[in-house]
Amino acid sequence: MKEEKLISVDEFCIHHHVEFSYMSNLREFGLIEIVTKNKVDYISEHQFEKIERILRLNQDLEINLEGIDAIQHLLQQVNAMQAEINRLTNRLRLYEDL
């Protein structure tokens, strides 16, 4: 099993110029997961892109966390539908080739 890379929330906050409380709010909304080890909070590397997208939505477009939560939910639905379309397209191609 591949070991997940973690970065401390404090480091992430310093690098991205956000308050720790903002990251706590993201966790409370269920938008991110924070792992605590030895009394230090960490986020996994695979969440960076998602968190950076959330920051852009909030800072650049001034969308609040409720709106971001709704957007994340809709994006998940779009991705699921796209996967279903791809699956059905592949299946259709199979029948067209017969």
PDB file of N, CA and C in Angstrom:
ATOM      1  N   MET A   1       0.832  -1.182   0.000  1.00  0.00           N
ATOM      2  CA  MET A   1       0.000   0.000   0.000  1.00  0.00           C
ATOM      3  C   MET A   1       0.877   1.246   0.000  1.00  0.00           C
ATOM      4  N   LYS A   2       0.551   2.182  -0.874  1.00  0.00           N
ATOM      5  CA  LYS A   2       1.335   3.396  -0.994  1.00  0.00           C
ATOM      6  C   LYS A   2       1.066   4.326   0.185  1.00  0.00           C
ATOM      7  N   GLU A   3       2.137   4.851   0.771  1.00  0.00           N
ATOM      8  CA  GLU A   3       1.981   5.748   1.910  1.00  0.00           C
ATOM      9  C   GLU A   3       1.563   7.123   1.422  1.00  0.00           C
ATOM     10  N   GLU A   4       0.579   7.682   2.098  1.00  0.00           N
ATOM     11  CA  GLU A   4       0.028   8.977   1.720  1.00  0.00           C
ATOM     12  C   GLU A   4       0.922  10.096   2.250  1.00  0.00           C
ATOM     13  N   LYS A   5       1.222  11.067   1.384  1.00  0.00           N
ATOM     14  CA  LYS A   5       2.024  12.212   1.805  1.00  0.00           C
ATOM     15  C   LYS A   5       1.132  13.205   2.523  1.00  0.00           C
ATOM     16  N   LEU A   6       1.612  13.693   3.650  1.00  0.00           N
ATOM     17  CA  LEU A   6       0.865  14.646   4.461  1.00  0.00           C
ATOM     18  C   LEU A   6       1.654  15.935   4.600  1.00  0.00           C
ATOM     19  N   ILE A   7       0.929  17.034   4.716  1.00  0.00           N
ATOM     20  CA  ILE A   7       1.548  18.326   5.014  1.00  0.00           C
ATOM     21  C   ILE A   7       0.783  18.924   6.186  1.00  0.00           C
ATOM     22  N   SER A   8       1.495  19.590   7.052  1.00  0.00           N
ATOM     23  CA  SER A   8       0.807  20.167   8.210  1.00  0.00           C
ATOM     24  C   SER A   8      -0.119  21.289   7.746  1.00  0.00           C
ATOM     25  N   VAL A   9      -1.229  21.407   8.433  1.00  0.00           N
ATOM     26  CA  VAL A   9      -2.203  22.452   8.102  1.00  0.00           C
ATOM     27  C   VAL A   9      -1.561  23.821   8.279  1.00  0.00           C
ATOM     28  N   ASP A  10      -0.721  23.962   9.299  1.00  0.00           N
ATOM     29  CA  ASP A  10      -0.047  25.241   9.531  1.00  0.00           C
ATOM     30  C   ASP A  10       0.816  25.629   8.331  1.00  0.00           C
ATOM     31  N   GLU A  11       1.581  24.682   7.798  1.00  0.00           N
ATOM     32  CA  GLU A  11       2.415  24.956   6.617  1.00  0.00           C
ATOM     33  C   GLU A  11       1.562  25.351   5.425  1.00  0.00           C
ATOM     34  N   PHE A  12       0.498  24.597   5.209  1.00  0.00           N
ATOM     35  CA  PHE A  12      -0.400  24.880   4.092  1.00  0.00           C
ATOM     36  C   PHE A  12      -0.976  26.284   4.229  1.00  0.00           C
ATOM     37  N   CYS A  13      -1.392  26.640   5.434  1.00  0.00           N
ATOM     38  CA  CYS A  13      -1.977  27.961   5.676  1.00  0.00           C
ATOM     39  C   CYS A  13      -0.971  29.081   5.413  1.00  0.00           C
ATOM     40  N   ILE A  14       0.241  28.891   5.856  1.00  0.00           N
ATOM     41  CA  ILE A  14       1.289  29.898   5.632  1.00  0.00           C
ATOM     42  C   ILE A  14       1.541  30.062   4.137  1.00  0.00           C
ATOM     43  N   HIS A  15       1.675  28.952   3.435  1.00  0.00           N
ATOM     44  CA  HIS A  15       1.973  28.985   2.000  1.00  0.00           C
ATOM     45  C   HIS A  15       0.835  29.618   1.193  1.00  0.00           C
ATOM     46  N   HIS A  16      -0.421  29.372   1.606  1.00  0.00           N
ATOM     47  CA  HIS A  16      -1.573  29.862   0.853  1.00  0.00           C
ATOM     48  C   HIS A  16      -2.214  31.117   1.470  1.00  0.00           C
ATOM     49  N   HIS A  17      -1.606  31.649   2.520  1.00  0.00           N
ATOM     50  CA  HIS A  17      -2.060  32.887   3.163  1.00  0.00           C
ATOM     51  C   HIS A  17      -3.516  32.795   3.629  1.00  0.00           C
ATOM     52  N   VAL A  18      -3.826  31.718   4.344  1.00  0.00           N
ATOM     53  CA  VAL A  18      -5.160  31.552   4.928  1.00  0.00           C
ATOM     54  C   VAL A  18      -5.020  31.276   6.418  1.00  0.00           C
ATOM     55  N   GLU A  19      -6.069  31.578   7.141  1.00  0.00           N
ATOM     56  CA  GLU A  19      -6.086  31.343   8.581  1.00  0.00           C
ATOM     57  C   GLU A  19      -6.371  29.870   8.875  1.00  0.00           C
ATOM     58  N   PHE A  20      -5.842  29.395   9.988  1.00  0.00           N
ATOM     59  CA  PHE A  20      -6.107  28.017  10.415  1.00  0.00           C
ATOM     60  C   PHE A  20      -7.603  27.806  10.634  1.00  0.00           C
ATOM     61  N   SER A  21      -8.274  28.836  11.139  1.00  0.00           N
ATOM     62  CA  SER A  21      -9.713  28.721  11.394  1.00  0.00           C
ATOM     63  C   SER A  21     -10.485  28.471  10.107  1.00  0.00           C
ATOM     64  N   TYR A  22      -9.993  28.992   8.978  1.00  0.00           N
ATOM     65  CA  TYR A  22     -10.652  28.753   7.693  1.00  0.00           C
ATOM     66  C   TYR A  22     -10.586  27.267   7.350  1.00  0.00           C
ATOM     67  N   MET A  23      -9.443  26.657   7.581  1.00  0.00           N
ATOM     68  CA  MET A  23      -9.287  25.223   7.316  1.00  0.00           C
ATOM     69  C   MET A  23     -10.199  24.422   8.249  1.00  0.00           C
ATOM     70  N   SER A  24     -10.323  24.871   9.485  1.00  0.00           N
ATOM     71  CA  SER A  24     -11.233  24.210  10.428  1.00  0.00           C
ATOM     72  C   SER A  24     -12.670  24.299   9.942  1.00  0.00           C
ATOM     73  N   ASN A  25     -13.035  25.451   9.388  1.00  0.00           N
ATOM     74  CA  ASN A  25     -14.383  25.611   8.835  1.00  0.00           C
ATOM     75  C   ASN A  25     -14.614  24.668   7.657  1.00  0.00           C
ATOM     76  N   LEU A  26     -13.602  24.504   6.816  1.00  0.00           N
ATOM     77  CA  LEU A  26     -13.722  23.566   5.692  1.00  0.00           C
ATOM     78  C   LEU A  26     -13.958  22.152   6.200  1.00  0.00           C
ATOM     79  N   ARG A  27     -13.260  21.807   7.275  1.00  0.00           N
ATOM     80  CA  ARG A  27     -13.454  20.477   7.866  1.00  0.00           C
ATOM     81  C   ARG A  27     -14.861  20.345   8.436  1.00  0.00           C
ATOM     82  N   GLU A  28     -15.327  21.360   9.133  1.00  0.00           N
ATOM     83  CA  GLU A  28     -16.670  21.320   9.728  1.00  0.00           C
ATOM     84  C   GLU A  28     -17.759  21.163   8.666  1.00  0.00           C
ATOM     85  N   PHE A  29     -17.547  21.761   7.502  1.00  0.00           N
ATOM     86  CA  PHE A  29     -18.503  21.641   6.404  1.00  0.00           C
ATOM     87  C   PHE A  29     -18.379  20.308   5.678  1.00  0.00           C
ATOM     88  N   GLY A  30     -17.355  19.531   6.034  1.00  0.00           N
ATOM     89  CA  GLY A  30     -17.154  18.243   5.383  1.00  0.00           C
ATOM     90  C   GLY A  30     -16.501  18.362   4.024  1.00  0.00           C
ATOM     91  N   LEU A  31     -15.888  19.514   3.749  1.00  0.00           N
ATOM     92  CA  LEU A  31     -15.257  19.727   2.450  1.00  0.00           C
ATOM     93  C   LEU A  31     -13.859  19.135   2.382  1.00  0.00           C
ATOM     94  N   ILE A  32     -13.187  19.023   3.528  1.00  0.00           N
ATOM     95  CA  ILE A  32     -11.850  18.428   3.568  1.00  0.00           C
ATOM     96  C   ILE A  32     -11.746  17.520   4.793  1.00  0.00           C
ATOM     97  N   GLU A  33     -10.717  16.681   4.756  1.00  0.00           N
ATOM     98  CA  GLU A  33     -10.407  15.830   5.899  1.00  0.00           C
ATOM     99  C   GLU A  33      -9.077  16.276   6.473  1.00  0.00           C
ATOM    100  N   ILE A  34      -9.046  16.400   7.780  1.00  0.00           N
ATOM    101  CA  ILE A  34      -7.814  16.745   8.484  1.00  0.00           C
ATOM    102  C   ILE A  34      -7.478  15.580   9.398  1.00  0.00           C
ATOM    103  N   VAL A  35      -6.223  15.130   9.308  1.00  0.00           N
ATOM    104  CA  VAL A  35      -5.737  14.020  10.121  1.00  0.00           C
ATOM    105  C   VAL A  35      -4.874  14.594  11.229  1.00  0.00           C
ATOM    106  N   THR A  36      -5.079  14.126  12.442  1.00  0.00           N
ATOM    107  CA  THR A  36      -4.274  14.586  13.568  1.00  0.00           C
ATOM    108  C   THR A  36      -3.335  13.461  14.006  1.00  0.00           C
ATOM    109  N   LYS A  37      -2.035  13.777  14.019  1.00  0.00           N
ATOM    110  CA  LYS A  37      -1.016  12.847  14.498  1.00  0.00           C
ATOM    111  C   LYS A  37      -0.106  13.600  15.452  1.00  0.00           C
ATOM    112  N   ASN A  38       0.084  13.045  16.625  1.00  0.00           N
ATOM    113  CA  ASN A  38       0.947  13.666  17.639  1.00  0.00           C
ATOM    114  C   ASN A  38       0.571  15.127  17.881  1.00  0.00           C
ATOM    115  N   LYS A  39      -0.726  15.376  17.967  1.00  0.00           N
ATOM    116  CA  LYS A  39      -1.280  16.704  18.260  1.00  0.00           C
ATOM    117  C   LYS A  39      -0.998  17.734  17.157  1.00  0.00           C
ATOM    118  N   VAL A  40      -0.657  17.263  15.949  1.00  0.00           N
ATOM    119  CA  VAL A  40      -0.443  18.149  14.807  1.00  0.00           C
ATOM    120  C   VAL A  40      -1.456  17.780  13.740  1.00  0.00           C
ATOM    121  N   ASP A  41      -2.116  18.798  13.176  1.00  0.00           N
ATOM    122  CA  ASP A  41      -3.108  18.566  12.129  1.00  0.00           C
ATOM    123  C   ASP A  41      -2.444  18.546  10.753  1.00  0.00           C
ATOM    124  N   TYR A  42      -2.854  17.568   9.936  1.00  0.00           N
ATOM    125  CA  TYR A  42      -2.302  17.393   8.594  1.00  0.00           C
ATOM    126  C   TYR A  42      -3.419  17.247   7.571  1.00  0.00           C
ATOM    127  N   ILE A  43      -3.093  17.601   6.335  1.00  0.00           N
ATOM    128  CA  ILE A  43      -3.970  17.290   5.207  1.00  0.00           C
ATOM    129  C   ILE A  43      -3.172  16.455   4.230  1.00  0.00           C
ATOM    130  N   SER A  44      -3.869  15.573   3.525  1.00  0.00           N
ATOM    131  CA  SER A  44      -3.179  14.701   2.579  1.00  0.00           C
ATOM    132  C   SER A  44      -2.947  15.425   1.260  1.00  0.00           C
ATOM    133  N   GLU A  45      -1.907  14.997   0.583  1.00  0.00           N
ATOM    134  CA  GLU A  45      -1.505  15.621  -0.676  1.00  0.00           C
ATOM    135  C   GLU A  45      -2.607  15.531  -1.729  1.00  0.00           C
ATOM    136  N   HIS A  46      -3.379  14.444  -1.717  1.00  0.00           N
ATOM    137  CA  HIS A  46      -4.407  14.292  -2.751  1.00  0.00           C
ATOM    138  C   HIS A  46      -5.541  15.311  -2.614  1.00  0.00           C
ATOM    139  N   GLN A  47      -5.597  16.032  -1.499  1.00  0.00           N
ATOM    140  CA  GLN A  47      -6.627  17.054  -1.295  1.00  0.00           C
ATOM    141  C   GLN A  47      -6.192  18.451  -1.747  1.00  0.00           C
ATOM    142  N   PHE A  48      -4.903  18.627  -2.079  1.00  0.00           N
ATOM    143  CA  PHE A  48      -4.395  19.963  -2.392  1.00  0.00           C
ATOM    144  C   PHE A  48      -5.176  20.628  -3.518  1.00  0.00           C
ATOM    145  N   GLU A  49      -5.384  19.907  -4.606  1.00  0.00           N
ATOM    146  CA  GLU A  49      -6.077  20.489  -5.761  1.00  0.00           C
ATOM    147  C   GLU A  49      -7.489  20.937  -5.361  1.00  0.00           C
ATOM    148  N   LYS A  50      -8.170  20.096  -4.621  1.00  0.00           N
ATOM    149  CA  LYS A  50      -9.530  20.413  -4.171  1.00  0.00           C
ATOM    150  C   LYS A  50      -9.527  21.645  -3.270  1.00  0.00           C
ATOM    151  N   ILE A  51      -8.595  21.700  -2.323  1.00  0.00           N
ATOM    152  CA  ILE A  51      -8.540  22.831  -1.396  1.00  0.00           C
ATOM    153  C   ILE A  51      -8.195  24.114  -2.139  1.00  0.00           C
ATOM    154  N   GLU A  52      -7.269  24.029  -3.080  1.00  0.00           N
ATOM    155  CA  GLU A  52      -6.898  25.213  -3.856  1.00  0.00           C
ATOM    156  C   GLU A  52      -8.075  25.703  -4.695  1.00  0.00           C
ATOM    157  N   ARG A  53      -8.871  24.779  -5.242  1.00  0.00           N
ATOM    158  CA  ARG A  53     -10.073  25.164  -5.994  1.00  0.00           C
ATOM    159  C   ARG A  53     -11.062  25.861  -5.054  1.00  0.00           C
ATOM    160  N   ILE A  54     -11.229  25.326  -3.852  1.00  0.00           N
ATOM    161  CA  ILE A  54     -12.121  25.942  -2.864  1.00  0.00           C
ATOM    162  C   ILE A  54     -11.643  27.350  -2.523  1.00  0.00           C
ATOM    163  N   LEU A  55     -10.346  27.508  -2.333  1.00  0.00           N
ATOM    164  CA  LEU A  55      -9.794  28.830  -2.016  1.00  0.00           C
ATOM    165  C   LEU A  55     -10.056  29.827  -3.141  1.00  0.00           C
ATOM    166  N   ARG A  56      -9.878  29.388  -4.390  1.00  0.00           N
ATOM    167  CA  ARG A  56     -10.137  30.279  -5.525  1.00  0.00           C
ATOM    168  C   ARG A  56     -11.609  30.679  -5.587  1.00  0.00           C
ATOM    169  N   LEU A  57     -12.497  29.712  -5.397  1.00  0.00           N
ATOM    170  CA  LEU A  57     -13.925  30.022  -5.407  1.00  0.00           C
ATOM    171  C   LEU A  57     -14.276  31.033  -4.322  1.00  0.00           C
ATOM    172  N   ASN A  58     -13.675  30.855  -3.151  1.00  0.00           N
ATOM    173  CA  ASN A  58     -13.976  31.732  -2.023  1.00  0.00           C
ATOM    174  C   ASN A  58     -13.319  33.102  -2.178  1.00  0.00           C
ATOM    175  N   GLN A  59     -12.048  33.124  -2.508  1.00  0.00           N
ATOM    176  CA  GLN A  59     -11.319  34.389  -2.538  1.00  0.00           C
ATOM    177  C   GLN A  59     -11.558  35.180  -3.819  1.00  0.00           C
ATOM    178  N   ASP A  60     -11.530  34.511  -4.966  1.00  0.00           N
ATOM    179  CA  ASP A  60     -11.658  35.222  -6.237  1.00  0.00           C
ATOM    180  C   ASP A  60     -13.106  35.535  -6.582  1.00  0.00           C
ATOM    181  N   LEU A  61     -14.003  34.588  -6.311  1.00  0.00           N
ATOM    182  CA  LEU A  61     -15.407  34.768  -6.683  1.00  0.00           C
ATOM    183  C   LEU A  61     -16.302  35.102  -5.498  1.00  0.00           C
ATOM    184  N   GLU A  62     -15.714  35.127  -4.296  1.00  0.00           N
ATOM    185  CA  GLU A  62     -16.421  35.459  -3.065  1.00  0.00           C
ATOM    186  C   GLU A  62     -17.644  34.565  -2.827  1.00  0.00           C
ATOM    187  N   ILE A  63     -17.479  33.278  -3.107  1.00  0.00           N
ATOM    188  CA  ILE A  63     -18.537  32.301  -2.849  1.00  0.00           C
ATOM    189  C   ILE A  63     -18.353  31.787  -1.428  1.00  0.00           C
ATOM    190  N   ASN A  64     -19.440  31.782  -0.662  1.00  0.00           N
ATOM    191  CA  ASN A  64     -19.350  31.334   0.728  1.00  0.00           C
ATOM    192  C   ASN A  64     -19.271  29.804   0.798  1.00  0.00           C
ATOM    193  N   LEU A  65     -19.027  29.293   1.989  1.00  0.00           N
ATOM    194  CA  LEU A  65     -18.822  27.852   2.147  1.00  0.00           C
ATOM    195  C   LEU A  65     -20.054  27.039   1.792  1.00  0.00           C
ATOM    196  N   GLU A  66     -21.234  27.574   2.051  1.00  0.00           N
ATOM    197  CA  GLU A  66     -22.463  26.873   1.671  1.00  0.00           C
ATOM    198  C   GLU A  66     -22.531  26.715   0.156  1.00  0.00           C
ATOM    199  N   GLY A  67     -22.184  27.780  -0.558  1.00  0.00           N
ATOM    200  CA  GLY A  67     -22.167  27.736  -2.017  1.00  0.00           C
ATOM    201  C   GLY A  67     -21.110  26.779  -2.542  1.00  0.00           C
ATOM    202  N   ILE A  68     -19.947  26.788  -1.911  1.00  0.00           N
ATOM    203  CA  ILE A  68     -18.870  25.885  -2.318  1.00  0.00           C
ATOM    204  C   ILE A  68     -19.290  24.441  -2.088  1.00  0.00           C
ATOM    205  N   ASP A  69     -19.962  24.189  -0.972  1.00  0.00           N
ATOM    206  CA  ASP A  69     -20.450  22.837  -0.697  1.00  0.00           C
ATOM    207  C   ASP A  69     -21.410  22.386  -1.791  1.00  0.00           C
ATOM    208  N   ALA A  70     -22.317  23.273  -2.200  1.00  0.00           N
ATOM    209  CA  ALA A  70     -23.269  22.948  -3.270  1.00  0.00           C
ATOM    210  C   ALA A  70     -22.533  22.709  -4.588  1.00  0.00           C
ATOM    211  N   ILE A  71     -21.552  23.534  -4.885  1.00  0.00           N
ATOM    212  CA  ILE A  71     -20.768  23.376  -6.119  1.00  0.00           C
ATOM    213  C   ILE A  71     -20.030  22.043  -6.112  1.00  0.00           C
ATOM    214  N   GLN A  72     -19.412  21.696  -4.988  1.00  0.00           N
ATOM    215  CA  GLN A  72     -18.696  20.418  -4.887  1.00  0.00           C
ATOM    216  C   GLN A  72     -19.647  19.253  -5.136  1.00  0.00           C
ATOM    217  N   HIS A  73     -20.846  19.321  -4.558  1.00  0.00           N
ATOM    218  CA  HIS A  73     -21.838  18.266  -4.738  1.00  0.00           C
ATOM    219  C   HIS A  73     -22.233  18.157  -6.210  1.00  0.00           C
ATOM    220  N   LEU A  74     -22.474  19.282  -6.853  1.00  0.00           N
ATOM    221  CA  LEU A  74     -22.843  19.270  -8.273  1.00  0.00           C
ATOM    222  C   LEU A  74     -21.709  18.740  -9.140  1.00  0.00           C
ATOM    223  N   LEU A  75     -20.467  19.100  -8.822  1.00  0.00           N
ATOM    224  CA  LEU A  75     -19.324  18.593  -9.581  1.00  0.00           C
ATOM    225  C   LEU A  75     -19.197  17.078  -9.455  1.00  0.00           C
ATOM    226  N   GLN A  76     -19.475  16.551  -8.267  1.00  0.00           N
ATOM    227  CA  GLN A  76     -19.448  15.106  -8.076  1.00  0.00           C
ATOM    228  C   GLN A  76     -20.518  14.441  -8.929  1.00  0.00           C
ATOM    229  N   GLN A  77     -21.688  15.049  -8.986  1.00  0.00           N
ATOM    230  CA  GLN A  77     -22.764  14.493  -9.810  1.00  0.00           C
ATOM    231  C   GLN A  77     -22.397  14.537 -11.289  1.00  0.00           C
ATOM    232  N   VAL A  78     -21.821  15.634 -11.748  1.00  0.00           N
ATOM    233  CA  VAL A  78     -21.403  15.751 -13.145  1.00  0.00           C
ATOM    234  C   VAL A  78     -20.356  14.691 -13.472  1.00  0.00           C
ATOM    235  N   ASN A  79     -19.388  14.493 -12.588  1.00  0.00           N
ATOM    236  CA  ASN A  79     -18.351  13.478 -12.816  1.00  0.00           C
ATOM    237  C   ASN A  79     -18.949  12.077 -12.870  1.00  0.00           C
ATOM    238  N   ALA A  80     -19.914  11.802 -11.996  1.00  0.00           N
ATOM    239  CA  ALA A  80     -20.567  10.491 -12.004  1.00  0.00           C
ATOM    240  C   ALA A  80     -21.346  10.294 -13.298  1.00  0.00           C
ATOM    241  N   MET A  81     -22.036  11.334 -13.737  1.00  0.00           N
ATOM    242  CA  MET A  81     -22.787  11.238 -14.996  1.00  0.00           C
ATOM    243  C   MET A  81     -21.860  11.059 -16.183  1.00  0.00           C
ATOM    244  N   GLN A  82     -20.727  11.751 -16.175  1.00  0.00           N
ATOM    245  CA  GLN A  82     -19.761  11.604 -17.267  1.00  0.00           C
ATOM    246  C   GLN A  82     -19.214  10.183 -17.304  1.00  0.00           C
ATOM    247  N   ALA A  83     -18.946   9.614 -16.157  1.00  0.00           N
ATOM    248  CA  ALA A  83     -18.470   8.229 -16.105  1.00  0.00           C
ATOM    249  C   ALA A  83     -19.537   7.284 -16.652  1.00  0.00           C
ATOM    250  N   GLU A  84     -20.786   7.542 -16.319  1.00  0.00           N
ATOM    251  CA  GLU A  84     -21.887   6.716 -16.821  1.00  0.00           C
ATOM    252  C   GLU A  84     -22.029   6.865 -18.334  1.00  0.00           C
ATOM    253  N   ILE A  85     -21.901   8.069 -18.845  1.00  0.00           N
ATOM    254  CA  ILE A  85     -21.956   8.299 -20.295  1.00  0.00           C
ATOM    255  C   ILE A  85     -20.834   7.536 -20.991  1.00  0.00           C
ATOM    256  N   ASN A  86     -19.640   7.600 -20.438  1.00  0.00           N
ATOM    257  CA  ASN A  86     -18.502   6.877 -21.023  1.00  0.00           C
ATOM    258  C   ASN A  86     -18.753   5.376 -21.028  1.00  0.00           C
ATOM    259  N   ARG A  87     -19.294   4.866 -19.929  1.00  0.00           N
ATOM    260  CA  ARG A  87     -19.589   3.436 -19.838  1.00  0.00           C
ATOM    261  C   ARG A  87     -20.617   3.031 -20.880  1.00  0.00           C
ATOM    262  N   LEU A  88     -21.669   3.818 -21.004  1.00  0.00           N
ATOM    263  CA  LEU A  88     -22.719   3.505 -21.965  1.00  0.00           C
ATOM    264  C   LEU A  88     -22.236   3.656 -23.412  1.00  0.00           C
ATOM    265  N   THR A  89     -21.400   4.641 -23.662  1.00  0.00           N
ATOM    266  CA  THR A  89     -20.831   4.816 -25.005  1.00  0.00           C
ATOM    267  C   THR A  89     -19.986   3.616 -25.378  1.00  0.00           C
ATOM    268  N   ASN A  90     -19.173   3.143 -24.457  1.00  0.00           N
ATOM    269  CA  ASN A  90     -18.342   1.962 -24.722  1.00  0.00           C
ATOM    270  C   ASN A  90     -19.207   0.739 -24.976  1.00  0.00           C
ATOM    271  N   ARG A  91     -20.262   0.617 -24.214  1.00  0.00           N
ATOM    272  CA  ARG A  91     -21.178  -0.508 -24.403  1.00  0.00           C
ATOM    273  C   ARG A  91     -21.874  -0.439 -25.762  1.00  0.00           C
ATOM    274  N   LEU A  92     -22.274   0.753 -26.145  1.00  0.00           N
ATOM    275  CA  LEU A  92     -22.916   0.952 -27.446  1.00  0.00           C
ATOM    276  C   LEU A  92     -21.960   0.596 -28.576  1.00  0.00           C
ATOM    277  N   ARG A  93     -20.714   1.003 -28.450  1.00  0.00           N
ATOM    278  CA  ARG A  93     -19.705   0.667 -29.469  1.00  0.00           C
ATOM    279  C   ARG A  93     -19.549  -0.845 -29.610  1.00  0.00           C
ATOM    280  N   LEU A  94     -19.637  -1.534 -28.502  1.00  0.00           N
ATOM    281  CA  LEU A  94     -19.534  -2.990 -28.521  1.00  0.00           C
ATOM    282  C   LEU A  94     -20.637  -3.584 -29.388  1.00  0.00           C
ATOM    283  N   TYR A  95     -21.862  -3.084 -29.227  1.00  0.00           N
ATOM    284  CA  TYR A  95     -22.997  -3.593 -30.002  1.00  0.00           C
ATOM    285  C   TYR A  95     -22.938  -3.137 -31.462  1.00  0.00           C
ATOM    286  N   GLU A  96     -22.403  -1.941 -31.702  1.00  0.00           N
ATOM    287  CA  GLU A  96     -22.287  -1.454 -33.074  1.00  0.00           C
ATOM    288  C   GLU A  96     -21.280  -2.276 -33.874  1.00  0.00           C
ATOM    289  N   ASP A  97     -20.292  -2.811 -33.196  1.00  0.00           N
ATOM    290  CA  ASP A  97     -19.251  -3.597 -33.862  1.00  0.00           C
ATOM    291  C   ASP A  97     -19.717  -5.003 -34.217  1.00  0.00           C
ATOM    292  N   LEU A  98     -20.850  -5.435 -33.715  1.00  0.00           N
ATOM    293  CA  LEU A  98     -21.360  -6.783 -34.004  1.00  0.00           C
ATOM    294  C   LEU A  98     -21.867  -6.919 -35.396  1.00  0.00           C
TER     295      LEU A  98
END
